[in-house]
Amino acid sequence: MFLTPQQVSKHLSLALSTTYFYCETGQLPAVRVGKHWRVPSDKLQRWLEKRMNGKKEGR
């Protein structure tokens, strides 16, 4: 399943402009479909897990 940037923004509590910036700079696992960005939900889940595992406990 693919998510729109709007859905990702809501899910991650990010500004829509930040989500687009992350898509454009490759910080999110996003793909272009025509002129639209889409984020595969499975890759987003792995991206979130990777970011959570990289954070130090107690900070």
N, C-alpha and C. Protein backbone atom coordinates (compact mmCIF):
# COMPACT_ATOMS: atom_id res chain seq x y z
N MET A 1 0.84 -1.17 0.00
CA MET A 1 0.00 0.00 0.00
C MET A 1 0.89 1.25 0.00
N PHE A 2 0.46 2.25 -0.71
CA PHE A 2 1.19 3.51 -0.78
C PHE A 2 0.43 4.59 -0.03
N LEU A 3 1.18 5.46 0.62
CA LEU A 3 0.61 6.58 1.35
C LEU A 3 0.94 7.88 0.63
N THR A 4 0.05 8.84 0.74
CA THR A 4 0.30 10.16 0.17
C THR A 4 1.14 10.96 1.18
N PRO A 5 1.78 12.03 0.73
CA PRO A 5 2.49 12.89 1.69
C PRO A 5 1.57 13.44 2.78
N GLN A 6 0.33 13.71 2.44
CA GLN A 6 -0.62 14.20 3.44
C GLN A 6 -0.84 13.15 4.54
N GLN A 7 -0.98 11.89 4.15
CA GLN A 7 -1.17 10.82 5.13
C GLN A 7 0.07 10.64 6.00
N VAL A 8 1.24 10.70 5.37
CA VAL A 8 2.49 10.56 6.11
C VAL A 8 2.64 11.71 7.10
N SER A 9 2.34 12.93 6.67
CA SER A 9 2.43 14.10 7.55
C SER A 9 1.55 13.93 8.78
N LYS A 10 0.34 13.48 8.56
CA LYS A 10 -0.59 13.28 9.67
C LYS A 10 -0.08 12.18 10.61
N HIS A 11 0.38 11.08 10.03
CA HIS A 11 0.86 9.94 10.82
C HIS A 11 2.08 10.31 11.66
N LEU A 12 2.98 11.12 11.10
CA LEU A 12 4.22 11.47 11.78
C LEU A 12 4.15 12.81 12.51
N SER A 13 3.02 13.48 12.44
CA SER A 13 2.84 14.82 13.03
C SER A 13 3.89 15.80 12.51
N LEU A 14 4.06 15.79 11.19
CA LEU A 14 4.98 16.70 10.52
C LEU A 14 4.20 17.70 9.68
N ALA A 15 4.80 18.85 9.46
CA ALA A 15 4.22 19.79 8.51
C ALA A 15 4.29 19.17 7.12
N LEU A 16 3.32 19.45 6.29
CA LEU A 16 3.31 18.90 4.94
C LEU A 16 4.55 19.32 4.17
N SER A 17 4.99 20.55 4.36
CA SER A 17 6.19 21.03 3.66
C SER A 17 7.43 20.23 4.09
N THR A 18 7.50 19.83 5.34
CA THR A 18 8.61 19.01 5.82
C THR A 18 8.58 17.64 5.18
N THR A 19 7.40 17.06 5.07
CA THR A 19 7.27 15.75 4.43
C THR A 19 7.71 15.82 2.98
N TYR A 20 7.30 16.84 2.26
CA TYR A 20 7.74 17.00 0.87
C TYR A 20 9.25 17.18 0.80
N PHE A 21 9.81 17.96 1.71
CA PHE A 21 11.26 18.15 1.74
C PHE A 21 11.97 16.82 1.95
N TYR A 22 11.48 16.00 2.89
CA TYR A 22 12.07 14.68 3.14
C TYR A 22 11.95 13.79 1.90
N CYS A 23 10.85 13.87 1.19
CA CYS A 23 10.68 13.09 -0.04
C CYS A 23 11.69 13.54 -1.10
N GLU A 24 11.78 14.83 -1.29
CA GLU A 24 12.65 15.39 -2.33
C GLU A 24 14.13 15.15 -2.07
N THR A 25 14.52 15.11 -0.81
CA THR A 25 15.93 14.95 -0.46
C THR A 25 16.31 13.50 -0.17
N GLY A 26 15.35 12.58 -0.29
CA GLY A 26 15.65 11.17 -0.07
C GLY A 26 15.69 10.76 1.39
N GLN A 27 15.25 11.62 2.28
CA GLN A 27 15.24 11.27 3.70
C GLN A 27 14.09 10.32 4.04
N LEU A 28 13.05 10.33 3.24
CA LEU A 28 11.94 9.38 3.36
C LEU A 28 12.02 8.42 2.18
N PRO A 29 11.61 7.17 2.36
CA PRO A 29 11.62 6.21 1.26
C PRO A 29 10.44 6.43 0.32
N ALA A 30 10.50 7.51 -0.44
CA ALA A 30 9.39 7.90 -1.31
C ALA A 30 9.74 7.69 -2.77
N VAL A 31 8.71 7.51 -3.58
CA VAL A 31 8.88 7.37 -5.03
C VAL A 31 7.95 8.35 -5.73
N ARG A 32 8.37 8.77 -6.92
CA ARG A 32 7.53 9.64 -7.74
C ARG A 32 6.66 8.76 -8.63
N VAL A 33 5.39 9.06 -8.67
CA VAL A 33 4.45 8.42 -9.58
C VAL A 33 3.86 9.56 -10.40
N GLY A 34 4.41 9.73 -11.60
CA GLY A 34 4.05 10.91 -12.38
C GLY A 34 4.59 12.14 -11.68
N LYS A 35 3.70 13.06 -11.34
CA LYS A 35 4.14 14.26 -10.61
C LYS A 35 3.84 14.18 -9.12
N HIS A 36 3.40 13.03 -8.65
CA HIS A 36 2.99 12.86 -7.26
C HIS A 36 3.99 12.00 -6.49
N TRP A 37 4.18 12.32 -5.22
CA TRP A 37 4.99 11.50 -4.33
C TRP A 37 4.11 10.45 -3.66
N ARG A 38 4.68 9.25 -3.51
CA ARG A 38 4.01 8.18 -2.77
C ARG A 38 5.05 7.51 -1.88
N VAL A 39 4.62 7.08 -0.70
CA VAL A 39 5.52 6.43 0.25
C VAL A 39 4.98 5.03 0.51
N PRO A 40 5.77 3.99 0.17
CA PRO A 40 5.33 2.63 0.46
C PRO A 40 5.21 2.44 1.97
N SER A 41 4.07 1.94 2.43
CA SER A 41 3.83 1.84 3.87
C SER A 41 4.81 0.89 4.55
N ASP A 42 5.20 -0.20 3.88
CA ASP A 42 6.14 -1.13 4.51
C ASP A 42 7.52 -0.50 4.68
N LYS A 43 7.95 0.29 3.70
CA LYS A 43 9.24 0.97 3.80
C LYS A 43 9.19 2.08 4.84
N LEU A 44 8.05 2.75 4.96
CA LEU A 44 7.90 3.77 5.99
C LEU A 44 8.01 3.14 7.37
N GLN A 45 7.40 1.98 7.56
CA GLN A 45 7.46 1.29 8.85
C GLN A 45 8.91 0.93 9.20
N ARG A 46 9.66 0.39 8.22
CA ARG A 46 11.07 0.06 8.46
C ARG A 46 11.89 1.32 8.75
N TRP A 47 11.59 2.40 8.04
CA TRP A 47 12.28 3.68 8.25
C TRP A 47 12.05 4.17 9.69
N LEU A 48 10.81 4.06 10.15
CA LEU A 48 10.49 4.48 11.52
C LEU A 48 11.21 3.61 12.55
N GLU A 49 11.20 2.29 12.32
CA GLU A 49 11.88 1.37 13.24
C GLU A 49 13.37 1.67 13.30
N LYS A 50 13.97 1.93 12.16
CA LYS A 50 15.40 2.24 12.10
C LYS A 50 15.70 3.52 12.87
N ARG A 51 14.87 4.53 12.69
CA ARG A 51 15.07 5.80 13.41
C ARG A 51 14.87 5.63 14.91
N MET A 52 13.90 4.82 15.31
CA MET A 52 13.65 4.60 16.73
C MET A 52 14.80 3.82 17.37
N ASN A 53 15.34 2.84 16.65
CA ASN A 53 16.44 2.04 17.18
C ASN A 53 17.73 2.84 17.26
N GLY A 54 17.86 3.87 16.45
CA GLY A 54 19.06 4.68 16.43
C GLY A 54 19.11 5.71 17.54
N LYS A 55 17.98 5.98 18.18
CA LYS A 55 17.94 6.97 19.26
C LYS A 55 18.41 6.33 20.56
N LYS A 56 19.16 7.09 21.32
CA LYS A 56 19.66 6.58 22.59
C LYS A 56 18.57 6.65 23.65
N GLU A 57 18.57 5.66 24.52
CA GLU A 57 17.61 5.62 25.62
C GLU A 57 17.94 6.72 26.63
N GLY A 58 16.93 7.27 27.26
CA GLY A 58 17.12 8.24 28.32
C GLY A 58 17.37 9.66 27.85
N ARG A 59 17.22 9.90 26.59
CA ARG A 59 17.43 11.25 26.06
C ARG A 59 16.14 11.84 25.62
